[in-house]
N, C-alpha and C. Protein backbone atom coordinates (compact mmCIF):
# COMPACT_ATOMS: atom_id res chain seq x y z
N ALA A 1 0.93 -1.04 0.04
CA ALA A 1 -0.07 0.02 -0.01
C ALA A 1 0.89 1.26 -0.02
N TRP A 2 0.34 2.46 -0.61
CA TRP A 2 0.91 3.65 -0.57
C TRP A 2 0.27 4.82 -0.84
N GLN A 3 0.42 5.83 -0.36
CA GLN A 3 -0.33 7.05 -0.68
C GLN A 3 0.45 8.16 -1.34
N SER A 4 -0.18 9.07 -1.84
CA SER A 4 0.13 10.07 -2.49
C SER A 4 -0.95 11.55 -2.49
N PRO A 5 -0.05 12.34 -2.62
CA PRO A 5 -0.81 13.81 -2.17
C PRO A 5 -2.18 13.84 -3.12
N GLU A 6 -3.09 14.36 -2.76
CA GLU A 6 -4.21 14.67 -3.59
C GLU A 6 -4.01 15.85 -4.87
N GLY A 7 -4.56 15.40 -5.89
CA GLY A 7 -4.31 16.39 -6.68
C GLY A 7 -3.30 15.79 -7.97
N GLY A 8 -2.61 14.69 -7.54
CA GLY A 8 -1.61 14.36 -8.66
C GLY A 8 -2.11 13.18 -9.32
N LEU A 9 -1.43 12.81 -10.53
CA LEU A 9 -1.89 11.81 -11.62
C LEU A 9 -0.87 10.55 -11.11
N TRP A 10 -1.34 9.25 -11.13
CA TRP A 10 -0.57 8.32 -10.98
C TRP A 10 -1.21 7.16 -11.58
N TRP A 11 -0.51 6.64 -12.56
CA TRP A 11 -1.05 5.56 -13.15
C TRP A 11 -0.61 4.32 -14.01
N PRO A 12 -0.63 3.41 -14.34
CA PRO A 12 0.02 2.42 -15.06
C PRO A 12 -0.21 2.38 -16.54
N LEU A 13 0.55 2.05 -17.03
CA LEU A 13 0.30 2.15 -18.82
C LEU A 13 1.04 0.94 -19.17
N THR A 14 0.66 0.24 -20.24
CA THR A 14 1.40 -0.88 -20.92
C THR A 14 0.93 -0.89 -22.42
N PRO A 15 2.04 -0.08 -23.18
CA PRO A 15 1.75 0.36 -24.46
C PRO A 15 1.92 -1.08 -25.46
N PRO A 16 1.49 -1.09 -26.62
CA PRO A 16 2.03 -2.57 -27.16
C PRO A 16 3.51 -2.15 -27.76
N VAL A 17 4.22 -3.32 -27.72
CA VAL A 17 5.53 -3.52 -28.04
C VAL A 17 5.63 -4.56 -28.94
N PRO A 18 5.08 -4.33 -30.26
CA PRO A 18 5.24 -5.55 -31.32
C PRO A 18 6.70 -6.06 -31.38
N ASP A 19 7.59 -5.15 -31.36
CA ASP A 19 8.82 -5.50 -31.39
C ASP A 19 9.96 -5.71 -30.34
N GLY A 20 9.26 -5.91 -29.30
CA GLY A 20 9.94 -6.09 -28.02
C GLY A 20 10.21 -5.10 -27.26
N PRO A 21 10.44 -4.88 -25.86
CA PRO A 21 10.68 -3.84 -25.06
C PRO A 21 11.88 -2.87 -25.69
N ASP A 22 11.46 -1.42 -25.43
CA ASP A 22 12.12 -0.54 -26.26
C ASP A 22 12.47 0.68 -25.30
N PRO A 23 13.60 0.96 -24.56
CA PRO A 23 14.05 1.73 -23.97
C PRO A 23 13.66 3.45 -24.02
N PHE A 24 13.54 3.64 -25.16
CA PHE A 24 13.11 4.81 -25.61
C PHE A 24 11.88 5.29 -25.40
N TYR A 25 11.02 4.22 -25.11
CA TYR A 25 9.33 4.42 -24.95
C TYR A 25 9.75 5.15 -23.66
N ASN A 26 10.56 4.89 -22.71
CA ASN A 26 10.58 5.60 -21.43
C ASN A 26 10.62 7.17 -21.63
N LEU A 27 11.47 7.57 -22.41
CA LEU A 27 11.59 8.89 -22.58
C LEU A 27 10.49 9.52 -23.75
N LEU A 28 9.79 8.54 -24.38
CA LEU A 28 8.63 9.20 -25.23
C LEU A 28 7.52 9.41 -24.13
N LEU A 29 7.29 8.67 -23.24
CA LEU A 29 6.14 8.77 -22.58
C LEU A 29 6.55 10.15 -21.52
N ALA A 30 7.72 10.41 -21.28
CA ALA A 30 8.12 11.49 -20.35
C ALA A 30 8.02 12.79 -21.25
N LEU A 31 8.38 12.51 -22.40
CA LEU A 31 8.09 13.50 -23.35
C LEU A 31 6.43 14.02 -23.31
N ALA A 32 6.02 13.03 -23.59
CA ALA A 32 4.52 13.14 -23.95
C ALA A 32 3.70 13.93 -22.56
N ALA A 33 4.23 13.46 -21.29
CA ALA A 33 3.91 14.26 -20.41
C ALA A 33 4.14 15.84 -20.18
N ARG A 34 5.61 15.86 -20.29
CA ARG A 34 6.11 17.06 -20.37
C ARG A 34 5.48 18.29 -21.29
N ASP A 35 5.17 17.65 -22.69
CA ASP A 35 4.58 18.38 -23.55
C ASP A 35 3.15 18.94 -23.43
N SER A 36 2.48 17.68 -22.66
CA SER A 36 1.13 18.05 -22.63
C SER A 36 0.90 19.29 -21.34
N ILE A 37 1.75 19.22 -20.11
CA ILE A 37 1.50 20.21 -19.38
C ILE A 37 1.93 21.40 -19.66
N SER A 38 3.13 21.36 -20.36
CA SER A 38 3.77 22.78 -21.07
C SER A 38 2.62 23.31 -21.72
N SER A 39 1.92 22.43 -22.53
CA SER A 39 1.06 23.30 -23.64
C SER A 39 -0.02 23.88 -22.71
N SER A 40 -0.43 23.70 -21.30
CA SER A 40 -1.56 24.02 -20.56
C SER A 40 -0.95 25.60 -20.02
N LEU A 41 0.33 25.66 -20.02
CA LEU A 41 1.04 26.68 -19.11
C LEU A 41 1.31 28.17 -19.97
N GLY A 42 1.54 27.97 -21.11
CA GLY A 42 1.75 29.09 -22.30
C GLY A 42 3.17 29.07 -22.32
N ASN A 43 3.89 30.29 -22.28
CA ASN A 43 5.15 30.31 -22.67
C ASN A 43 5.69 30.05 -21.20
N LYS A 44 5.21 30.13 -20.17
CA LYS A 44 5.77 29.75 -18.83
C LYS A 44 6.28 28.20 -18.94
N GLY A 45 5.40 27.27 -19.71
CA GLY A 45 5.63 26.04 -19.80
C GLY A 45 7.12 25.59 -20.35
N LEU A 46 7.63 26.45 -20.93
CA LEU A 46 9.07 26.12 -21.65
C LEU A 46 9.85 26.00 -20.72
N ARG A 47 9.66 26.19 -19.19
CA ARG A 47 10.64 25.99 -18.07
C ARG A 47 10.75 24.41 -17.75
N LEU A 48 9.81 23.54 -18.46
CA LEU A 48 9.66 22.29 -17.89
C LEU A 48 10.62 21.41 -18.71
N ALA A 49 11.44 20.54 -18.08
CA ALA A 49 12.16 19.85 -18.90
C ALA A 49 12.36 18.34 -18.33
N LEU A 50 13.07 17.66 -19.12
CA LEU A 50 13.28 16.13 -18.71
C LEU A 50 14.95 16.19 -18.23
N LYS A 51 15.04 14.94 -17.31
CA LYS A 51 16.25 14.78 -16.88
C LYS A 51 16.45 13.19 -17.05
N TRP A 52 17.67 12.82 -17.89
CA TRP A 52 17.58 11.53 -18.09
C TRP A 52 17.77 10.52 -16.73
N PRO A 53 17.20 9.45 -16.84
CA PRO A 53 16.60 8.80 -17.75
C PRO A 53 15.08 8.93 -17.40
N ASN A 54 14.47 9.38 -16.36
CA ASN A 54 13.26 9.17 -16.28
C ASN A 54 12.60 10.41 -15.21
N ASP A 55 13.03 11.63 -15.05
CA ASP A 55 12.71 12.73 -14.28
C ASP A 55 11.99 13.74 -15.07
N LEU A 56 11.04 14.16 -14.44
CA LEU A 56 10.16 15.40 -15.15
C LEU A 56 10.93 16.72 -14.13
N MET A 57 11.13 17.53 -14.61
CA MET A 57 11.82 18.75 -13.78
C MET A 57 11.48 20.17 -14.12
N ILE A 58 11.40 21.02 -13.02
CA ILE A 58 11.39 22.47 -13.32
C ILE A 58 12.60 22.97 -12.56
N GLY A 59 13.52 23.46 -13.33
CA GLY A 59 14.99 23.62 -12.91
C GLY A 59 15.64 22.45 -12.09
N SER A 60 16.04 22.61 -10.97
CA SER A 60 16.28 21.40 -10.06
C SER A 60 15.36 20.66 -9.39
N ARG A 61 14.28 21.20 -9.50
CA ARG A 61 13.11 20.28 -8.59
C ARG A 61 12.28 19.49 -9.64
N LYS A 62 11.99 18.34 -8.87
CA LYS A 62 11.15 17.15 -9.66
C LYS A 62 9.71 17.38 -9.42
N TRP A 63 9.02 17.16 -10.24
CA TRP A 63 7.58 17.01 -10.26
C TRP A 63 6.92 15.91 -11.00
N GLY A 64 7.82 15.23 -11.44
CA GLY A 64 7.13 13.61 -11.80
C GLY A 64 8.23 13.03 -12.62
N GLY A 65 7.67 11.74 -12.58
CA GLY A 65 8.64 10.60 -13.30
C GLY A 65 8.11 9.38 -13.87
N VAL A 66 8.89 8.84 -14.52
CA VAL A 66 8.59 7.50 -15.18
C VAL A 66 9.28 6.19 -15.04
N LEU A 67 8.83 5.28 -14.69
CA LEU A 67 9.59 3.93 -14.17
C LEU A 67 9.03 2.86 -15.14
N ALA A 68 9.76 2.01 -15.65
CA ALA A 68 9.29 0.97 -16.57
C ALA A 68 9.82 -0.48 -15.89
N GLU A 69 9.01 -1.79 -16.18
CA GLU A 69 9.34 -2.81 -15.63
C GLU A 69 9.06 -3.86 -16.70
N ILE A 70 9.77 -4.89 -16.89
CA ILE A 70 9.16 -5.70 -17.94
C ILE A 70 8.58 -6.91 -17.38
N ALA A 71 7.39 -7.51 -17.96
CA ALA A 71 6.67 -8.39 -17.43
C ALA A 71 6.31 -9.20 -18.40
N GLY A 72 5.50 -10.29 -18.23
CA GLY A 72 5.32 -11.49 -18.98
C GLY A 72 6.31 -12.23 -19.05
N THR A 73 6.42 -12.97 -20.37
CA THR A 73 7.49 -14.12 -20.56
C THR A 73 8.58 -13.73 -21.46
N SER A 74 9.40 -14.47 -21.55
CA SER A 74 10.37 -14.08 -22.38
C SER A 74 10.17 -14.37 -24.05
N THR A 75 8.83 -15.01 -24.30
CA THR A 75 8.58 -15.15 -25.77
C THR A 75 7.40 -14.07 -25.64
N SER A 76 6.69 -13.68 -24.89
CA SER A 76 5.70 -12.88 -24.70
C SER A 76 5.88 -11.58 -24.02
N PRO A 77 6.89 -10.77 -23.97
CA PRO A 77 7.14 -9.73 -23.11
C PRO A 77 6.53 -8.56 -23.08
N GLU A 78 5.97 -7.96 -21.95
CA GLU A 78 5.16 -6.58 -21.72
C GLU A 78 6.15 -5.67 -20.98
N VAL A 79 5.97 -4.37 -21.14
CA VAL A 79 6.53 -3.40 -20.43
C VAL A 79 5.47 -2.74 -19.80
N LEU A 80 5.73 -2.65 -18.43
CA LEU A 80 4.72 -1.87 -17.46
C LEU A 80 5.32 -0.56 -17.25
N PHE A 81 4.71 0.51 -17.73
CA PHE A 81 5.10 1.90 -17.32
C PHE A 81 4.36 2.34 -15.83
N GLY A 82 5.12 2.97 -15.15
CA GLY A 82 4.36 3.82 -14.05
C GLY A 82 4.68 5.22 -14.30
N ILE A 83 3.74 6.22 -14.26
CA ILE A 83 4.11 7.38 -14.27
C ILE A 83 3.28 8.05 -13.12
N GLY A 84 4.08 9.19 -12.35
CA GLY A 84 3.63 9.95 -11.23
C GLY A 84 3.76 11.37 -11.40
N LEU A 85 2.64 12.30 -11.25
CA LEU A 85 3.07 13.56 -11.74
C LEU A 85 2.35 14.58 -10.57
N ASN A 86 2.87 15.48 -9.87
CA ASN A 86 2.48 16.24 -9.02
C ASN A 86 2.09 17.25 -9.90
N LEU A 87 0.71 17.49 -9.85
CA LEU A 87 -0.10 18.54 -10.64
C LEU A 87 -0.82 19.64 -9.55
N ASP A 88 -1.99 19.27 -9.36
CA ASP A 88 -2.86 19.98 -8.70
C ASP A 88 -2.59 19.91 -7.09
N VAL A 89 -1.26 20.22 -6.85
CA VAL A 89 -1.09 19.93 -5.30
C VAL A 89 -0.42 21.15 -4.78
N GLU A 90 -0.80 21.63 -3.56
CA GLU A 90 -0.30 22.54 -2.83
C GLU A 90 0.98 22.15 -2.27
N GLN A 91 2.13 23.28 -2.43
CA GLN A 91 3.42 23.09 -1.72
C GLN A 91 3.19 22.60 -0.05
N GLU A 92 2.42 23.12 0.42
CA GLU A 92 2.18 22.52 1.80
C GLU A 92 1.82 21.05 1.86
N SER A 93 1.02 20.81 0.90
CA SER A 93 0.76 19.21 1.09
C SER A 93 2.20 18.37 0.85
N LEU A 94 2.81 18.99 0.02
CA LEU A 94 3.96 17.98 -0.67
C LEU A 94 4.87 18.30 0.71
N ARG A 95 5.15 19.19 1.33
CA ARG A 95 5.95 19.25 2.54
C ARG A 95 5.25 18.50 3.62
N LYS A 96 4.27 18.17 3.88
CA LYS A 96 3.70 17.65 5.10
C LYS A 96 3.53 16.00 4.73
N HIS A 97 3.83 15.92 3.31
CA HIS A 97 3.18 14.24 3.02
C HIS A 97 4.69 13.24 3.52
N PRO A 98 4.30 12.15 3.88
CA PRO A 98 5.61 11.34 4.33
C PRO A 98 6.41 10.88 3.35
N GLY A 99 7.67 11.06 3.18
CA GLY A 99 8.59 10.18 2.36
C GLY A 99 8.88 11.18 0.95
N MET A 100 8.25 12.54 1.19
CA MET A 100 8.55 13.25 -0.18
C MET A 100 9.60 14.05 -0.09
N PRO A 101 10.50 13.63 -1.03
CA PRO A 101 11.86 14.50 -1.16
C PRO A 101 11.67 16.00 -0.83
N LYS A 102 12.68 16.68 -0.14
CA LYS A 102 12.58 18.15 0.15
C LYS A 102 12.53 18.80 -1.25
N GLN A 103 13.25 18.49 -2.45
CA GLN A 103 13.09 19.02 -3.98
C GLN A 103 12.14 19.15 -4.57
N ALA A 104 11.06 18.16 -3.86
CA ALA A 104 9.78 17.72 -5.05
C ALA A 104 9.26 19.04 -4.89
N THR A 105 8.49 19.22 -5.99
CA THR A 105 7.59 20.45 -6.30
C THR A 105 6.23 19.91 -7.02
N SER A 106 5.69 21.00 -7.34
CA SER A 106 4.35 20.60 -8.09
C SER A 106 3.89 21.67 -9.32
N ILE A 107 3.10 21.54 -10.12
CA ILE A 107 2.87 22.45 -11.18
C ILE A 107 2.18 23.46 -10.46
N ARG A 108 1.30 23.39 -9.53
CA ARG A 108 0.24 24.42 -8.62
C ARG A 108 1.42 25.15 -8.17
N ALA A 109 2.39 24.48 -7.20
CA ALA A 109 3.10 25.59 -6.44
C ALA A 109 4.10 26.26 -7.39
N GLU A 110 4.67 25.62 -8.47
CA GLU A 110 5.57 26.57 -9.34
C GLU A 110 4.88 27.87 -10.02
N PHE A 111 3.57 27.34 -10.53
CA PHE A 111 2.77 28.40 -11.49
C PHE A 111 1.61 29.03 -11.10
N GLY A 112 0.87 28.31 -9.75
CA GLY A 112 -0.40 29.01 -9.30
C GLY A 112 -1.51 28.32 -9.96
N HIS A 113 -1.39 27.40 -10.73
CA HIS A 113 -2.57 26.74 -11.22
C HIS A 113 -2.01 25.30 -12.09
N SER A 114 -3.01 24.62 -12.39
CA SER A 114 -2.84 23.43 -12.98
C SER A 114 -3.80 22.73 -13.42
N PRO A 115 -3.60 22.09 -14.54
CA PRO A 115 -4.87 21.25 -14.96
C PRO A 115 -4.96 20.13 -14.15
N SER A 116 -6.22 19.57 -14.27
CA SER A 116 -6.63 18.62 -13.54
C SER A 116 -6.35 17.18 -13.68
N PRO A 117 -5.99 16.43 -12.76
CA PRO A 117 -5.61 15.25 -13.38
C PRO A 117 -6.19 14.39 -14.46
N ALA A 118 -7.30 14.65 -14.57
CA ALA A 118 -8.14 14.04 -15.71
C ALA A 118 -7.86 14.73 -17.00
N GLN A 119 -7.82 16.03 -17.06
CA GLN A 119 -7.50 16.75 -18.28
C GLN A 119 -6.16 16.40 -18.69
N ALA A 120 -5.07 16.16 -17.73
CA ALA A 120 -3.88 15.72 -17.93
C ALA A 120 -3.56 14.77 -18.75
N LEU A 121 -4.31 13.41 -18.08
CA LEU A 121 -4.69 12.17 -18.42
C LEU A 121 -4.66 12.10 -20.00
N GLN A 122 -5.85 12.83 -20.41
CA GLN A 122 -6.50 12.64 -21.60
C GLN A 122 -5.33 13.27 -22.76
N SER A 123 -4.84 14.55 -22.21
CA SER A 123 -4.09 14.96 -23.23
C SER A 123 -2.74 14.30 -23.11
N ILE A 124 -2.10 13.76 -22.19
CA ILE A 124 -0.67 12.75 -22.39
C ILE A 124 -1.21 11.78 -23.18
N LEU A 125 -2.30 10.86 -22.94
CA LEU A 125 -2.35 9.54 -23.96
C LEU A 125 -2.60 10.15 -25.46
N SER A 126 -2.92 11.35 -25.63
CA SER A 126 -3.23 11.81 -27.05
C SER A 126 -1.84 12.27 -27.49
N ASN A 127 -1.08 12.81 -26.71
CA ASN A 127 0.08 12.92 -27.30
C ASN A 127 1.07 11.74 -27.15
N LEU A 128 0.97 10.79 -26.42
CA LEU A 128 1.57 9.49 -26.70
C LEU A 128 1.01 8.63 -27.64
N ASP A 129 0.01 8.79 -28.07
CA ASP A 129 -0.44 8.11 -29.32
C ASP A 129 0.35 8.84 -30.56
N ARG A 130 0.50 10.16 -30.70
CA ARG A 130 0.80 10.75 -31.92
C ARG A 130 2.22 10.24 -31.78
N LEU A 131 3.09 10.34 -30.94
CA LEU A 131 4.57 10.28 -30.77
C LEU A 131 4.72 8.61 -30.96
N LEU A 132 3.81 7.84 -30.51
CA LEU A 132 4.22 6.46 -30.95
C LEU A 132 4.08 6.15 -32.61
N GLU A 133 2.85 6.90 -33.07
CA GLU A 133 2.65 6.65 -34.43
C GLU A 133 3.65 7.22 -35.27
N GLU A 134 4.32 8.47 -34.84
CA GLU A 134 5.31 8.88 -35.47
C GLU A 134 6.74 8.06 -35.33
N ASP A 135 6.82 7.36 -34.43
CA ASP A 135 8.04 6.73 -34.26
C ASP A 135 8.15 5.59 -35.14
N HIS A 136 6.61 4.98 -35.50
CA HIS A 136 6.95 3.84 -36.45
C HIS A 136 6.93 4.30 -38.05
N ALA A 137 6.67 5.75 -38.17
CA ALA A 137 6.95 6.17 -39.63
C ALA A 137 8.37 6.22 -40.11
N LYS A 138 8.64 6.18 -41.34
CA LYS A 138 10.07 6.29 -41.58
C LYS A 138 10.51 7.65 -41.20
N GLY A 139 11.78 7.63 -40.53
CA GLY A 139 12.44 8.81 -39.95
C GLY A 139 11.98 9.05 -39.06
N GLY A 140 10.74 8.42 -38.25
CA GLY A 140 10.22 9.31 -37.17
C GLY A 140 11.05 8.82 -36.00
N ARG A 141 11.76 7.89 -35.55
CA ARG A 141 12.49 7.89 -34.43
C ARG A 141 13.78 8.83 -34.38
N GLU A 142 14.23 9.20 -35.53
CA GLU A 142 15.18 10.25 -35.34
C GLU A 142 14.62 11.80 -35.15
N ARG A 143 13.15 11.97 -35.65
CA ARG A 143 12.44 13.15 -35.37
C ARG A 143 12.13 13.22 -33.86
N ASN A 144 11.81 11.91 -33.33
CA ASN A 144 11.35 11.98 -31.87
C ASN A 144 12.67 12.22 -30.98
N ARG A 145 13.75 11.36 -31.54
CA ARG A 145 14.94 11.80 -30.54
C ARG A 145 15.32 13.15 -30.75
N LEU A 146 15.18 14.01 -31.89
CA LEU A 146 15.57 15.50 -31.54
C LEU A 146 14.74 16.09 -30.74
N ARG A 147 13.10 15.78 -30.56
CA ARG A 147 12.30 16.35 -29.71
C ARG A 147 12.54 16.25 -28.40
N VAL A 148 12.97 14.85 -27.91
CA VAL A 148 13.57 14.64 -26.66
C VAL A 148 15.00 15.38 -26.48
N ALA A 149 15.94 15.46 -27.32
CA ALA A 149 17.14 15.97 -27.03
C ALA A 149 17.02 17.56 -26.81
N GLU A 150 15.70 18.02 -27.55
CA GLU A 150 15.48 19.96 -27.48
C GLU A 150 15.09 19.89 -25.78
N VAL A 151 14.40 19.10 -25.05
CA VAL A 151 13.92 19.47 -23.65
C VAL A 151 14.73 18.80 -22.63
N LEU A 152 15.85 18.03 -23.20
CA LEU A 152 16.65 16.98 -22.07
C LEU A 152 17.68 17.92 -21.39
N ASP A 153 17.36 18.46 -20.48
CA ASP A 153 18.40 19.20 -19.45
C ASP A 153 19.97 18.64 -19.18
N THR A 154 19.74 17.44 -19.47
CA THR A 154 20.83 16.62 -18.94
C THR A 154 22.13 16.96 -19.92
N ILE A 155 21.56 17.03 -21.18
CA ILE A 155 22.53 17.22 -22.42
C ILE A 155 23.27 18.61 -22.09
N GLY A 156 24.76 18.66 -22.25
CA GLY A 156 25.48 19.73 -22.10
C GLY A 156 25.90 19.81 -20.52
N ARG A 157 25.34 19.18 -19.80
CA ARG A 157 25.78 19.37 -18.45
C ARG A 157 26.94 18.23 -17.95
N HIS A 158 27.84 18.64 -16.81
CA HIS A 158 28.98 17.63 -16.39
C HIS A 158 27.89 16.83 -15.34
N ILE A 159 28.08 15.69 -15.42
CA ILE A 159 27.27 14.52 -14.76
C ILE A 159 27.93 13.62 -13.93
N HIS A 160 27.94 13.14 -12.80
CA HIS A 160 28.29 11.86 -12.13
C HIS A 160 27.44 11.06 -12.00
N TRP A 161 27.51 9.50 -12.33
CA TRP A 161 26.80 8.43 -12.36
C TRP A 161 27.15 7.25 -11.63
N LYS A 162 25.96 6.40 -11.30
CA LYS A 162 26.26 5.47 -10.86
C LYS A 162 25.41 4.43 -11.41
N GLY A 163 26.19 3.04 -11.99
CA GLY A 163 25.30 2.29 -12.85
C GLY A 163 25.41 1.01 -12.20
N PRO A 164 25.15 -0.32 -13.09
CA PRO A 164 25.16 -1.49 -12.63
C PRO A 164 26.31 -1.86 -11.96
N ALA A 165 26.19 -2.58 -10.90
CA ALA A 165 27.40 -3.03 -10.11
C ALA A 165 28.01 -2.00 -9.47
N ASP A 166 27.50 -0.85 -9.27
CA ASP A 166 28.19 0.18 -8.32
C ASP A 166 29.14 0.89 -9.07
N ARG A 167 29.25 0.58 -10.58
CA ARG A 167 30.28 1.34 -11.52
C ARG A 167 29.95 2.87 -11.73
N THR A 168 30.91 3.56 -11.20
CA THR A 168 30.69 5.14 -11.11
C THR A 168 31.64 5.85 -12.58
N GLY A 169 31.20 6.97 -12.66
CA GLY A 169 32.13 7.99 -13.55
C GLY A 169 31.54 9.22 -13.52
N GLU A 170 32.60 10.27 -14.02
CA GLU A 170 32.00 11.45 -14.39
C GLU A 170 32.40 11.88 -15.92
N GLY A 171 31.53 12.90 -16.30
CA GLY A 171 31.88 13.24 -17.64
C GLY A 171 30.64 14.32 -18.15
N GLU A 172 30.85 14.69 -19.42
CA GLU A 172 30.05 15.60 -20.00
C GLU A 172 28.76 14.98 -20.50
N ALA A 173 27.32 15.13 -20.66
CA ALA A 173 26.38 14.48 -21.34
C ALA A 173 26.29 15.39 -22.60
N THR A 174 26.58 14.62 -23.63
CA THR A 174 26.41 15.14 -25.24
C THR A 174 25.46 14.72 -26.00
N GLY A 175 24.65 13.90 -25.56
CA GLY A 175 23.48 13.62 -26.82
C GLY A 175 22.74 12.51 -26.10
N ILE A 176 21.66 12.03 -26.85
CA ILE A 176 20.90 10.85 -26.70
C ILE A 176 20.95 9.96 -27.88
N SER A 177 20.99 8.74 -27.69
CA SER A 177 21.05 7.89 -28.60
C SER A 177 19.71 7.20 -29.15
N PRO A 178 19.31 6.85 -30.50
CA PRO A 178 18.28 6.46 -31.00
C PRO A 178 17.62 5.18 -30.02
N GLU A 179 18.38 4.49 -29.22
CA GLU A 179 17.92 3.58 -28.37
C GLU A 179 17.49 4.27 -26.96
N GLY A 180 17.90 5.55 -26.75
CA GLY A 180 17.58 6.11 -25.32
C GLY A 180 18.84 6.21 -24.47
N ALA A 181 19.77 5.87 -24.91
CA ALA A 181 21.00 5.79 -24.03
C ALA A 181 21.78 7.24 -24.18
N LEU A 182 22.21 7.48 -23.05
CA LEU A 182 22.64 8.71 -22.76
C LEU A 182 24.08 9.01 -23.08
N ILE A 183 24.56 9.67 -24.18
CA ILE A 183 25.90 9.75 -24.61
C ILE A 183 26.82 10.71 -23.89
N VAL A 184 27.90 10.06 -23.40
CA VAL A 184 28.85 10.97 -22.54
C VAL A 184 30.31 10.88 -23.05
N ASP A 185 30.86 11.93 -22.99
CA ASP A 185 32.31 12.10 -22.47
C ASP A 185 33.06 11.94 -21.33
N ARG A 186 33.50 10.73 -21.10
CA ARG A 186 34.19 10.15 -19.70
C ARG A 186 35.32 11.05 -19.50
N THR A 187 35.46 11.53 -18.28
CA THR A 187 36.35 12.20 -17.89
C THR A 187 37.29 11.75 -16.66
N SER A 188 36.58 11.08 -15.87
CA SER A 188 37.17 10.39 -14.84
C SER A 188 35.98 8.97 -14.29
N PRO A 189 36.66 8.23 -13.59
CA PRO A 189 38.14 7.81 -13.58
C PRO A 189 38.54 7.14 -14.83
N GLY A 190 39.43 6.68 -14.92
CA GLY A 190 40.19 5.99 -15.98
C GLY A 190 40.63 7.00 -17.27
N PRO A 191 40.68 6.22 -18.54
CA PRO A 191 40.97 6.90 -19.70
C PRO A 191 39.83 7.74 -20.08
N PRO A 192 39.79 9.04 -20.39
CA PRO A 192 38.77 9.84 -21.23
C PRO A 192 38.40 8.92 -22.69
N GLY A 193 36.96 9.25 -22.98
CA GLY A 193 36.64 8.75 -24.05
C GLY A 193 34.90 8.79 -24.04
N GLU A 194 34.13 8.49 -25.15
CA GLU A 194 32.74 8.39 -25.30
C GLU A 194 32.26 7.10 -24.82
N GLU A 195 31.23 7.23 -24.15
CA GLU A 195 30.54 6.27 -23.34
C GLU A 195 28.90 6.10 -23.64
N LEU A 196 28.38 4.90 -23.93
CA LEU A 196 26.72 5.02 -23.46
C LEU A 196 26.27 4.58 -22.37
N LEU A 197 25.42 5.54 -21.64
CA LEU A 197 24.69 5.04 -20.59
C LEU A 197 23.62 4.37 -20.83
N ARG A 198 23.31 3.35 -20.65
CA ARG A 198 21.96 2.70 -20.51
C ARG A 198 20.90 2.43 -19.53
N SER A 199 21.88 2.33 -18.50
CA SER A 199 21.12 2.45 -17.21
C SER A 199 21.98 3.07 -16.07
N ALA A 200 21.37 3.84 -15.46
CA ALA A 200 22.33 4.75 -14.61
C ALA A 200 21.54 5.50 -13.67
N GLU A 201 21.92 5.62 -12.38
CA GLU A 201 21.55 7.06 -11.65
C GLU A 201 22.41 7.95 -11.83
N ILE A 202 22.16 9.29 -12.47
CA ILE A 202 22.88 10.44 -12.29
C ILE A 202 22.60 11.54 -11.42
N SER A 203 23.53 12.61 -11.41
CA SER A 203 23.61 13.80 -10.45
C SER A 203 24.02 14.83 -11.62
N HIS A 204 23.41 15.89 -11.85
CA HIS A 204 24.03 17.14 -12.47
C HIS A 204 25.12 17.74 -11.45
N VAL A 205 26.03 17.69 -12.18
CA VAL A 205 27.20 18.60 -11.26
C VAL A 205 27.44 19.98 -11.68
N ARG A 206 27.57 20.99 -10.82
CA ARG A 206 27.89 22.45 -10.70
C ARG A 206 29.49 22.52 -10.89
N ILE A 207 29.88 22.96 -12.06
CA ILE A 207 31.38 23.04 -11.78
C ILE A 207 31.94 24.48 -11.40
N CYS A 208 32.62 24.78 -10.52
CA CYS A 208 32.93 25.88 -9.97
C CYS A 208 34.16 26.39 -10.37
């Protein structure tokens, strides 16, 4: 059992994956959520960004995220996505909610208003359908990759990461691959060079 502040949107989603699990879908769902909420905020919505691999951000504060889990069998896999968005939630509710990180925020707390969860859900599903249709069109993956890159705040930042088996590194994020991996120029530890991060926990590092 778990609880969440009233006014948020939390739901599971299992999109069709005829060609098997695709990590890029994680970014497409985050992009659909980001674009839907951004469009309801006018020019102020330009502040909404993505943080690789699954966070929705306003500056350094998180207002949503996407998680993915592979289910089913090896011959008939399914991908179960979970998405959580702090939408019409007062800052006081976030502060009092047990287990809520201090840096968490909501659309209402940042902008003074927010679409309702029902409105957001309808818009996100519509955007996701459009992005998935585009993704299967000729050249669509590249167009979607560029859409993600445009709002991916991680690109151009110095980052620290911790990957599988506690493997760590630092470097500059330079781009996103068609498979959803983060492209980084590693600076340490070890010899410098380009690396693809397919699964990692990252932190944006401020260079002084």
